[in-house]
Amino acid sequence: SRLAVFYIVIVRGLLIGAIAGLVTYPLAQGLAWGLTTFAAPCIVQPQDLYWLFAGSMVACFVGSLGPAVVATCSEPGDVLNSASLS
């Protein structure tokens, strides 16, 4: 159904965002360590990184809404076939 296609596109966007967030979280900690060690004294709390991760998930959700709405305007079979090819 069209609603199922909508959910598939949204979940796909959120999965991509979660994977990207989990990969960039250690990178952000490393950059924060390098910044505080070599450049400028600053305090980076883990809560700051959690908020950044949450913000990126919201951005991925909002970014998935457009393609999800477009996907619901097409036939569900066509959308699923094209999604499996990409």
PDB file of N, CA and C in Angstrom:
ATOM      1  N   SER A   1       0.838  -1.179   0.000  1.00  0.00           N
ATOM      2  CA  SER A   1       0.000   0.000   0.000  1.00  0.00           C
ATOM      3  C   SER A   1       0.883   1.242   0.000  1.00  0.00           C
ATOM      4  N   ARG A   2       0.274   2.362  -0.249  1.00  0.00           N
ATOM      5  CA  ARG A   2       1.031   3.617  -0.319  1.00  0.00           C
ATOM      6  C   ARG A   2       1.608   4.009   1.040  1.00  0.00           C
ATOM      7  N   LEU A   3       0.879   3.710   2.094  1.00  0.00           N
ATOM      8  CA  LEU A   3       1.377   4.027   3.436  1.00  0.00           C
ATOM      9  C   LEU A   3       2.611   3.189   3.773  1.00  0.00           C
ATOM     10  N   ALA A   4       2.620   1.943   3.339  1.00  0.00           N
ATOM     11  CA  ALA A   4       3.785   1.081   3.576  1.00  0.00           C
ATOM     12  C   ALA A   4       5.008   1.616   2.841  1.00  0.00           C
ATOM     13  N   VAL A   5       4.810   2.101   1.620  1.00  0.00           N
ATOM     14  CA  VAL A   5       5.922   2.680   0.864  1.00  0.00           C
ATOM     15  C   VAL A   5       6.443   3.924   1.582  1.00  0.00           C
ATOM     16  N   PHE A   6       5.529   4.726   2.106  1.00  0.00           N
ATOM     17  CA  PHE A   6       5.918   5.919   2.864  1.00  0.00           C
ATOM     18  C   PHE A   6       6.807   5.529   4.040  1.00  0.00           C
ATOM     19  N   TYR A   7       6.386   4.525   4.798  1.00  0.00           N
ATOM     20  CA  TYR A   7       7.165   4.080   5.956  1.00  0.00           C
ATOM     21  C   TYR A   7       8.514   3.497   5.545  1.00  0.00           C
ATOM     22  N   ILE A   8       8.549   2.776   4.449  1.00  0.00           N
ATOM     23  CA  ILE A   8       9.813   2.194   3.980  1.00  0.00           C
ATOM     24  C   ILE A   8      10.822   3.293   3.664  1.00  0.00           C
ATOM     25  N   VAL A   9      10.365   4.338   2.982  1.00  0.00           N
ATOM     26  CA  VAL A   9      11.276   5.426   2.621  1.00  0.00           C
ATOM     27  C   VAL A   9      11.745   6.170   3.873  1.00  0.00           C
ATOM     28  N   ILE A  10      10.843   6.394   4.821  1.00  0.00           N
ATOM     29  CA  ILE A  10      11.216   7.084   6.063  1.00  0.00           C
ATOM     30  C   ILE A  10      12.226   6.250   6.857  1.00  0.00           C
ATOM     31  N   VAL A  11      11.957   4.961   6.999  1.00  0.00           N
ATOM     32  CA  VAL A  11      12.862   4.094   7.768  1.00  0.00           C
ATOM     33  C   VAL A  11      14.224   4.009   7.095  1.00  0.00           C
ATOM     34  N   ARG A  12      14.237   3.965   5.784  1.00  0.00           N
ATOM     35  CA  ARG A  12      15.509   3.924   5.056  1.00  0.00           C
ATOM     36  C   ARG A  12      16.327   5.183   5.344  1.00  0.00           C
ATOM     37  N   GLY A  13      15.684   6.342   5.318  1.00  0.00           N
ATOM     38  CA  GLY A  13      16.383   7.592   5.623  1.00  0.00           C
ATOM     39  C   GLY A  13      16.898   7.632   7.050  1.00  0.00           C
ATOM     40  N   LEU A  14      16.087   7.140   7.994  1.00  0.00           N
ATOM     41  CA  LEU A  14      16.515   7.131   9.391  1.00  0.00           C
ATOM     42  C   LEU A  14      17.659   6.146   9.627  1.00  0.00           C
ATOM     43  N   LEU A  15      17.649   5.021   8.930  1.00  0.00           N
ATOM     44  CA  LEU A  15      18.757   4.066   9.064  1.00  0.00           C
ATOM     45  C   LEU A  15      20.062   4.658   8.545  1.00  0.00           C
ATOM     46  N   ILE A  16      19.980   5.334   7.421  1.00  0.00           N
ATOM     47  CA  ILE A  16      21.177   5.983   6.878  1.00  0.00           C
ATOM     48  C   ILE A  16      21.690   7.031   7.858  1.00  0.00           C
ATOM     49  N   GLY A  17      20.772   7.802   8.434  1.00  0.00           N
ATOM     50  CA  GLY A  17      21.166   8.815   9.413  1.00  0.00           C
ATOM     51  C   GLY A  17      21.767   8.214  10.665  1.00  0.00           C
ATOM     52  N   ALA A  18      21.200   7.117  11.144  1.00  0.00           N
ATOM     53  CA  ALA A  18      21.713   6.477  12.357  1.00  0.00           C
ATOM     54  C   ALA A  18      23.109   5.909  12.126  1.00  0.00           C
ATOM     55  N   ILE A  19      23.306   5.280  10.991  1.00  0.00           N
ATOM     56  CA  ILE A  19      24.629   4.727  10.685  1.00  0.00           C
ATOM     57  C   ILE A  19      25.651   5.850  10.554  1.00  0.00           C
ATOM     58  N   ALA A  20      25.280   6.914   9.857  1.00  0.00           N
ATOM     59  CA  ALA A  20      26.198   8.048   9.715  1.00  0.00           C
ATOM     60  C   ALA A  20      26.492   8.686  11.065  1.00  0.00           C
ATOM     61  N   GLY A  21      25.474   8.803  11.904  1.00  0.00           N
ATOM     62  CA  GLY A  21      25.681   9.380  13.230  1.00  0.00           C
ATOM     63  C   GLY A  21      26.579   8.525  14.098  1.00  0.00           C
ATOM     64  N   LEU A  22      26.409   7.218  14.028  1.00  0.00           N
ATOM     65  CA  LEU A  22      27.243   6.324  14.832  1.00  0.00           C
ATOM     66  C   LEU A  22      28.689   6.318  14.352  1.00  0.00           C
ATOM     67  N   VAL A  23      28.888   6.537  13.060  1.00  0.00           N
ATOM     68  CA  VAL A  23      30.253   6.596  12.530  1.00  0.00           C
ATOM     69  C   VAL A  23      30.908   7.925  12.892  1.00  0.00           C
ATOM     70  N   THR A  24      30.150   9.008  12.818  1.00  0.00           N
ATOM     71  CA  THR A  24      30.747  10.318  13.074  1.00  0.00           C
ATOM     72  C   THR A  24      30.894  10.641  14.555  1.00  0.00           C
ATOM     73  N   TYR A  25      30.199   9.934  15.425  1.00  0.00           N
ATOM     74  CA  TYR A  25      30.308  10.210  16.863  1.00  0.00           C
ATOM     75  C   TYR A  25      31.743  10.025  17.365  1.00  0.00           C
ATOM     76  N   PRO A  26      32.409   8.894  17.077  1.00  0.00           N
ATOM     77  CA  PRO A  26      33.811   8.773  17.518  1.00  0.00           C
ATOM     78  C   PRO A  26      34.730   9.778  16.825  1.00  0.00           C
ATOM     79  N   LEU A  27      34.426  10.108  15.573  1.00  0.00           N
ATOM     80  CA  LEU A  27      35.235  11.112  14.886  1.00  0.00           C
ATOM     81  C   LEU A  27      35.102  12.470  15.564  1.00  0.00           C
ATOM     82  N   ALA A  28      33.893  12.807  15.981  1.00  0.00           N
ATOM     83  CA  ALA A  28      33.675  14.080  16.672  1.00  0.00           C
ATOM     84  C   ALA A  28      34.404  14.103  18.008  1.00  0.00           C
ATOM     85  N   GLN A  29      34.411  12.981  18.708  1.00  0.00           N
ATOM     86  CA  GLN A  29      35.146  12.928  19.974  1.00  0.00           C
ATOM     87  C   GLN A  29      36.646  13.100  19.739  1.00  0.00           C
ATOM     88  N   GLY A  30      37.149  12.475  18.687  1.00  0.00           N
ATOM     89  CA  GLY A  30      38.564  12.626  18.362  1.00  0.00           C
ATOM     90  C   GLY A  30      38.922  14.047  17.972  1.00  0.00           C
ATOM     91  N   LEU A  31      38.066  14.681  17.182  1.00  0.00           N
ATOM     92  CA  LEU A  31      38.319  16.072  16.810  1.00  0.00           C
ATOM     93  C   LEU A  31      38.230  16.995  18.019  1.00  0.00           C
ATOM     94  N   ALA A  32      37.297  16.728  18.909  1.00  0.00           N
ATOM     95  CA  ALA A  32      37.182  17.539  20.126  1.00  0.00           C
ATOM     96  C   ALA A  32      38.426  17.377  20.992  1.00  0.00           C
ATOM     97  N   TRP A  33      38.929  16.166  21.092  1.00  0.00           N
ATOM     98  CA  TRP A  33      40.151  15.931  21.860  1.00  0.00           C
ATOM     99  C   TRP A  33      41.314  16.688  21.229  1.00  0.00           C
ATOM    100  N   GLY A  34      41.440  16.597  19.896  1.00  0.00           N
ATOM    101  CA  GLY A  34      42.514  17.299  19.208  1.00  0.00           C
ATOM    102  C   GLY A  34      42.410  18.808  19.363  1.00  0.00           C
ATOM    103  N   LEU A  35      41.193  19.314  19.329  1.00  0.00           N
ATOM    104  CA  LEU A  35      40.995  20.751  19.498  1.00  0.00           C
ATOM    105  C   LEU A  35      41.410  21.206  20.884  1.00  0.00           C
ATOM    106  N   THR A  36      40.997  20.465  21.895  1.00  0.00           N
ATOM    107  CA  THR A  36      41.338  20.873  23.261  1.00  0.00           C
ATOM    108  C   THR A  36      42.812  20.636  23.577  1.00  0.00           C
ATOM    109  N   THR A  37      43.426  19.670  22.940  1.00  0.00           N
ATOM    110  CA  THR A  37      44.827  19.370  23.224  1.00  0.00           C
ATOM    111  C   THR A  37      45.775  20.319  22.499  1.00  0.00           C
ATOM    112  N   PHE A  38      45.509  20.605  21.236  1.00  0.00           N
ATOM    113  CA  PHE A  38      46.476  21.328  20.420  1.00  0.00           C
ATOM    114  C   PHE A  38      46.091  22.759  20.070  1.00  0.00           C
ATOM    115  N   ALA A  39      44.834  23.097  20.065  1.00  0.00           N
ATOM    116  CA  ALA A  39      44.454  24.414  19.550  1.00  0.00           C
ATOM    117  C   ALA A  39      43.951  25.351  20.646  1.00  0.00           C
ATOM    118  N   ALA A  40      42.760  25.126  21.103  1.00  0.00           N
ATOM    119  CA  ALA A  40      42.143  26.053  22.050  1.00  0.00           C
ATOM    120  C   ALA A  40      41.546  25.273  23.208  1.00  0.00           C
ATOM    121  N   PRO A  41      41.725  25.779  24.406  1.00  0.00           N
ATOM    122  CA  PRO A  41      41.107  25.090  25.538  1.00  0.00           C
ATOM    123  C   PRO A  41      39.588  25.282  25.523  1.00  0.00           C
ATOM    124  N   CYS A  42      38.892  24.213  25.377  1.00  0.00           N
ATOM    125  CA  CYS A  42      37.432  24.257  25.407  1.00  0.00           C
ATOM    126  C   CYS A  42      36.934  22.966  26.041  1.00  0.00           C
ATOM    127  N   ILE A  43      35.719  22.999  26.474  1.00  0.00           N
ATOM    128  CA  ILE A  43      35.129  21.830  27.124  1.00  0.00           C
ATOM    129  C   ILE A  43      34.015  21.307  26.230  1.00  0.00           C
ATOM    130  N   VAL A  44      34.160  20.081  25.787  1.00  0.00           N
ATOM    131  CA  VAL A  44      33.132  19.430  24.978  1.00  0.00           C
ATOM    132  C   VAL A  44      32.533  18.322  25.827  1.00  0.00           C
ATOM    133  N   GLN A  45      31.299  18.498  26.199  1.00  0.00           N
ATOM    134  CA  GLN A  45      30.595  17.522  27.025  1.00  0.00           C
ATOM    135  C   GLN A  45      29.988  16.434  26.142  1.00  0.00           C
ATOM    136  N   PRO A  46      29.886  15.206  26.638  1.00  0.00           N
ATOM    137  CA  PRO A  46      29.217  14.155  25.863  1.00  0.00           C
ATOM    138  C   PRO A  46      27.767  14.505  25.534  1.00  0.00           C
ATOM    139  N   GLN A  47      27.122  15.281  26.404  1.00  0.00           N
ATOM    140  CA  GLN A  47      25.742  15.672  26.135  1.00  0.00           C
ATOM    141  C   GLN A  47      25.646  16.512  24.863  1.00  0.00           C
ATOM    142  N   ASP A  48      26.676  17.297  24.579  1.00  0.00           N
ATOM    143  CA  ASP A  48      26.684  18.090  23.355  1.00  0.00           C
ATOM    144  C   ASP A  48      26.644  17.187  22.133  1.00  0.00           C
ATOM    145  N   LEU A  49      27.412  16.107  22.180  1.00  0.00           N
ATOM    146  CA  LEU A  49      27.441  15.182  21.049  1.00  0.00           C
ATOM    147  C   LEU A  49      26.125  14.423  20.922  1.00  0.00           C
ATOM    148  N   TYR A  50      25.495  14.128  22.053  1.00  0.00           N
ATOM    149  CA  TYR A  50      24.182  13.473  21.994  1.00  0.00           C
ATOM    150  C   TYR A  50      23.157  14.385  21.325  1.00  0.00           C
ATOM    151  N   TRP A  51      23.204  15.669  21.651  1.00  0.00           N
ATOM    152  CA  TRP A  51      22.276  16.606  21.018  1.00  0.00           C
ATOM    153  C   TRP A  51      22.551  16.725  19.519  1.00  0.00           C
ATOM    154  N   LEU A  52      23.815  16.693  19.144  1.00  0.00           N
ATOM    155  CA  LEU A  52      24.146  16.734  17.714  1.00  0.00           C
ATOM    156  C   LEU A  52      23.623  15.497  16.993  1.00  0.00           C
ATOM    157  N   PHE A  53      23.742  14.339  17.639  1.00  0.00           N
ATOM    158  CA  PHE A  53      23.224  13.107  17.039  1.00  0.00           C
ATOM    159  C   PHE A  53      21.706  13.188  16.906  1.00  0.00           C
ATOM    160  N   ALA A  54      21.038  13.670  17.945  1.00  0.00           N
ATOM    161  CA  ALA A  54      19.577  13.802  17.888  1.00  0.00           C
ATOM    162  C   ALA A  54      19.171  14.792  16.801  1.00  0.00           C
ATOM    163  N   GLY A  55      19.905  15.876  16.679  1.00  0.00           N
ATOM    164  CA  GLY A  55      19.609  16.847  15.622  1.00  0.00           C
ATOM    165  C   GLY A  55      19.811  16.273  14.235  1.00  0.00           C
ATOM    166  N   SER A  56      20.831  15.445  14.077  1.00  0.00           N
ATOM    167  CA  SER A  56      21.051  14.825  12.766  1.00  0.00           C
ATOM    168  C   SER A  56      19.940  13.833  12.433  1.00  0.00           C
ATOM    169  N   MET A  57      19.415  13.150  13.449  1.00  0.00           N
ATOM    170  CA  MET A  57      18.298  12.231  13.201  1.00  0.00           C
ATOM    171  C   MET A  57      17.044  13.001  12.791  1.00  0.00           C
ATOM    172  N   VAL A  58      16.808  14.141  13.421  1.00  0.00           N
ATOM    173  CA  VAL A  58      15.665  14.979  13.034  1.00  0.00           C
ATOM    174  C   VAL A  58      15.851  15.475  11.605  1.00  0.00           C
ATOM    175  N   ALA A  59      17.077  15.884  11.259  1.00  0.00           N
ATOM    176  CA  ALA A  59      17.346  16.348   9.902  1.00  0.00           C
ATOM    177  C   ALA A  59      17.140  15.234   8.884  1.00  0.00           C
ATOM    178  N   CYS A  60      17.535  14.009   9.216  1.00  0.00           N
ATOM    179  CA  CYS A  60      17.318  12.881   8.305  1.00  0.00           C
ATOM    180  C   CYS A  60      15.833  12.587   8.147  1.00  0.00           C
ATOM    181  N   PHE A  61      15.082  12.695   9.231  1.00  0.00           N
ATOM    182  CA  PHE A  61      13.641  12.469   9.153  1.00  0.00           C
ATOM    183  C   PHE A  61      12.984  13.514   8.259  1.00  0.00           C
ATOM    184  N   VAL A  62      13.327  14.772   8.472  1.00  0.00           N
ATOM    185  CA  VAL A  62      12.749  15.844   7.658  1.00  0.00           C
ATOM    186  C   VAL A  62      13.191  15.695   6.202  1.00  0.00           C
ATOM    187  N   GLY A  63      14.445  15.313   5.992  1.00  0.00           N
ATOM    188  CA  GLY A  63      14.931  15.100   4.633  1.00  0.00           C
ATOM    189  C   GLY A  63      14.298  13.910   3.943  1.00  0.00           C
ATOM    190  N   SER A  64      13.797  12.944   4.699  1.00  0.00           N
ATOM    191  CA  SER A  64      13.138  11.774   4.117  1.00  0.00           C
ATOM    192  C   SER A  64      11.685  12.041   3.774  1.00  0.00           C
ATOM    193  N   LEU A  65      11.110  13.078   4.352  1.00  0.00           N
ATOM    194  CA  LEU A  65       9.687  13.339   4.118  1.00  0.00           C
ATOM    195  C   LEU A  65       9.387  13.642   2.652  1.00  0.00           C
ATOM    196  N   GLY A  66      10.230  14.452   2.019  1.00  0.00           N
ATOM    197  CA  GLY A  66      10.001  14.800   0.616  1.00  0.00           C
ATOM    198  C   GLY A  66       9.993  13.580  -0.294  1.00  0.00           C
ATOM    199  N   PRO A  67      11.053  12.767  -0.284  1.00  0.00           N
ATOM    200  CA  PRO A  67      11.037  11.564  -1.111  1.00  0.00           C
ATOM    201  C   PRO A  67       9.915  10.597  -0.745  1.00  0.00           C
ATOM    202  N   ALA A  68       9.541  10.540   0.528  1.00  0.00           N
ATOM    203  CA  ALA A  68       8.459   9.640   0.932  1.00  0.00           C
ATOM    204  C   ALA A  68       7.130  10.097   0.351  1.00  0.00           C
ATOM    205  N   VAL A  69       6.892  11.399   0.359  1.00  0.00           N
ATOM    206  CA  VAL A  69       5.646  11.919  -0.217  1.00  0.00           C
ATOM    207  C   VAL A  69       5.626  11.691  -1.721  1.00  0.00           C
ATOM    208  N   VAL A  70       6.753  11.908  -2.386  1.00  0.00           N
ATOM    209  CA  VAL A  70       6.826  11.660  -3.833  1.00  0.00           C
ATOM    210  C   VAL A  70       6.605  10.183  -4.130  1.00  0.00           C
ATOM    211  N   ALA A  71       7.159   9.315  -3.291  1.00  0.00           N
ATOM    212  CA  ALA A  71       7.008   7.870  -3.508  1.00  0.00           C
ATOM    213  C   ALA A  71       5.562   7.436  -3.348  1.00  0.00           C
ATOM    214  N   THR A  72       4.807   8.099  -2.486  1.00  0.00           N
ATOM    215  CA  THR A  72       3.406   7.708  -2.309  1.00  0.00           C
ATOM    216  C   THR A  72       2.545   8.127  -3.486  1.00  0.00           C
ATOM    217  N   CYS A  73       3.040   9.034  -4.318  1.00  0.00           N
ATOM    218  CA  CYS A  73       2.271   9.453  -5.499  1.00  0.00           C
ATOM    219  C   CYS A  73       2.407   8.457  -6.639  1.00  0.00           C
ATOM    220  N   SER A  74       3.367   7.544  -6.581  1.00  0.00           N
ATOM    221  CA  SER A  74       3.545   6.545  -7.630  1.00  0.00           C
ATOM    222  C   SER A  74       2.929   5.224  -7.202  1.00  0.00           C
ATOM    223  N   GLU A  75       2.958   4.299  -8.109  1.00  0.00           N
ATOM    224  CA  GLU A  75       2.454   2.961  -7.799  1.00  0.00           C
ATOM    225  C   GLU A  75       3.430   2.254  -6.857  1.00  0.00           C
ATOM    226  N   PRO A  76       2.936   1.587  -5.813  1.00  0.00           N
ATOM    227  CA  PRO A  76       3.833   0.940  -4.841  1.00  0.00           C
ATOM    228  C   PRO A  76       4.764  -0.094  -5.465  1.00  0.00           C
ATOM    229  N   GLY A  77       4.287  -0.852  -6.421  1.00  0.00           N
ATOM    230  CA  GLY A  77       5.132  -1.859  -7.057  1.00  0.00           C
ATOM    231  C   GLY A  77       6.293  -1.239  -7.804  1.00  0.00           C
ATOM    232  N   ASP A  78       6.045  -0.124  -8.482  1.00  0.00           N
ATOM    233  CA  ASP A  78       7.116   0.553  -9.211  1.00  0.00           C
ATOM    234  C   ASP A  78       8.171   1.107  -8.258  1.00  0.00           C
ATOM    235  N   VAL A  79       7.714   1.646  -7.142  1.00  0.00           N
ATOM    236  CA  VAL A  79       8.649   2.213  -6.165  1.00  0.00           C
ATOM    237  C   VAL A  79       9.519   1.118  -5.570  1.00  0.00           C
ATOM    238  N   LEU A  80       8.924  -0.002  -5.194  1.00  0.00           N
ATOM    239  CA  LEU A  80       9.694  -1.087  -4.587  1.00  0.00           C
ATOM    240  C   LEU A  80      10.654  -1.708  -5.588  1.00  0.00           C
ATOM    241  N   ASN A  81      10.252  -1.828  -6.845  1.00  0.00           N
ATOM    242  CA  ASN A  81      11.158  -2.366  -7.860  1.00  0.00           C
ATOM    243  C   ASN A  81      12.341  -1.439  -8.087  1.00  0.00           C
ATOM    244  N   SER A  82      12.096  -0.138  -8.168  1.00  0.00           N
ATOM    245  CA  SER A  82      13.204   0.793  -8.388  1.00  0.00           C
ATOM    246  C   SER A  82      14.087   0.893  -7.154  1.00  0.00           C
ATOM    247  N   ALA A  83      13.522   0.723  -5.962  1.00  0.00           N
ATOM    248  CA  ALA A  83      14.322   0.780  -4.732  1.00  0.00           C
ATOM    249  C   ALA A  83      15.242  -0.421  -4.625  1.00  0.00           C
ATOM    250  N   SER A  84      14.807  -1.570  -5.101  1.00  0.00           N
ATOM    251  CA  SER A  84      15.653  -2.757  -5.001  1.00  0.00           C
ATOM    252  C   SER A  84      16.800  -2.710  -6.006  1.00  0.00           C
ATOM    253  N   LEU A  85      16.658  -1.918  -7.064  1.00  0.00           N
ATOM    254  CA  LEU A  85      17.723  -1.817  -8.052  1.00  0.00           C
ATOM    255  C   LEU A  85      18.800  -0.834  -7.634  1.00  0.00           C
ATOM    256  N   SER A  86      18.462   0.120  -6.784  1.00  0.00           N
ATOM    257  CA  SER A  86      19.454   1.132  -6.412  1.00  0.00           C
ATOM    258  C   SER A  86      20.192   0.767  -5.151  1.00  0.00           C
TER     259      SER A  86
END
